[in-house]
Amino acid sequence: MRIIGGNLKGIRINPPKNLPVRPTTDMAKESLFNILNNLVDFEDLQVLDLFSGTGNISLEFASRGAIKVTAVDRNFGCFNYLKRTATDLNLLNIDAHKADVFKYLETETESYDLIFADPPFDLPTIPLIAPLIFDKKLLNPGGILIIEHQSTQDLHQHPNFTEKRKYGFSAFSFFSN
């Protein structure tokens, strides 16, 4: 894995092999950030990264100058790896939390410009993510929610759904506020 843009472009990230993650591939991540380059000004963003895993996406947003990146993952190894990596790279704009994502969302009161969720593909509650975020009003006006999921899964039923982009076995579903 590597950081593909921003002031840390090209830095390789080497998480431990024993973490229970399926990181977003560099190809899919590059495609995602090419789309986002046309939609957002990274320096103005407050980002929530759900199921952050190794922090691959959090690190990318932080490298591109996001004001604040809040990363949430329940795995202690992932949480520690991201905190250590953010410290090593002097990324003071990353705020990592060790928590169950759904419990975190139930109590969250801040709102964000962009929320990225990369849950385990076999998680049966993936369709509940968008309703929970919109019901709790966690997106700022004009905000974007992106959920990464299996390309065979369909999340278009939610009224805030805007589009789905497929990249091999993975897909990104976009929702807007």
Foldseek 3Di string as FASTA:
>chain_A
DAQCDAPRHPHDDDADPPFPDDDDDPVRVVVVVVVVVVQDQLQDWAEEEEQCFQVNVVVNSLRSHHQAYEYEHQDPSSQVNNVVVCVVVVSPRYHYDNDHRVVCLVPDQAATQEYEYEDDQPDPCLLVVVVSCVVSVRYDAFHKYKYKYFPPDDNPPDPQWDDWADDVRIIITMGTD
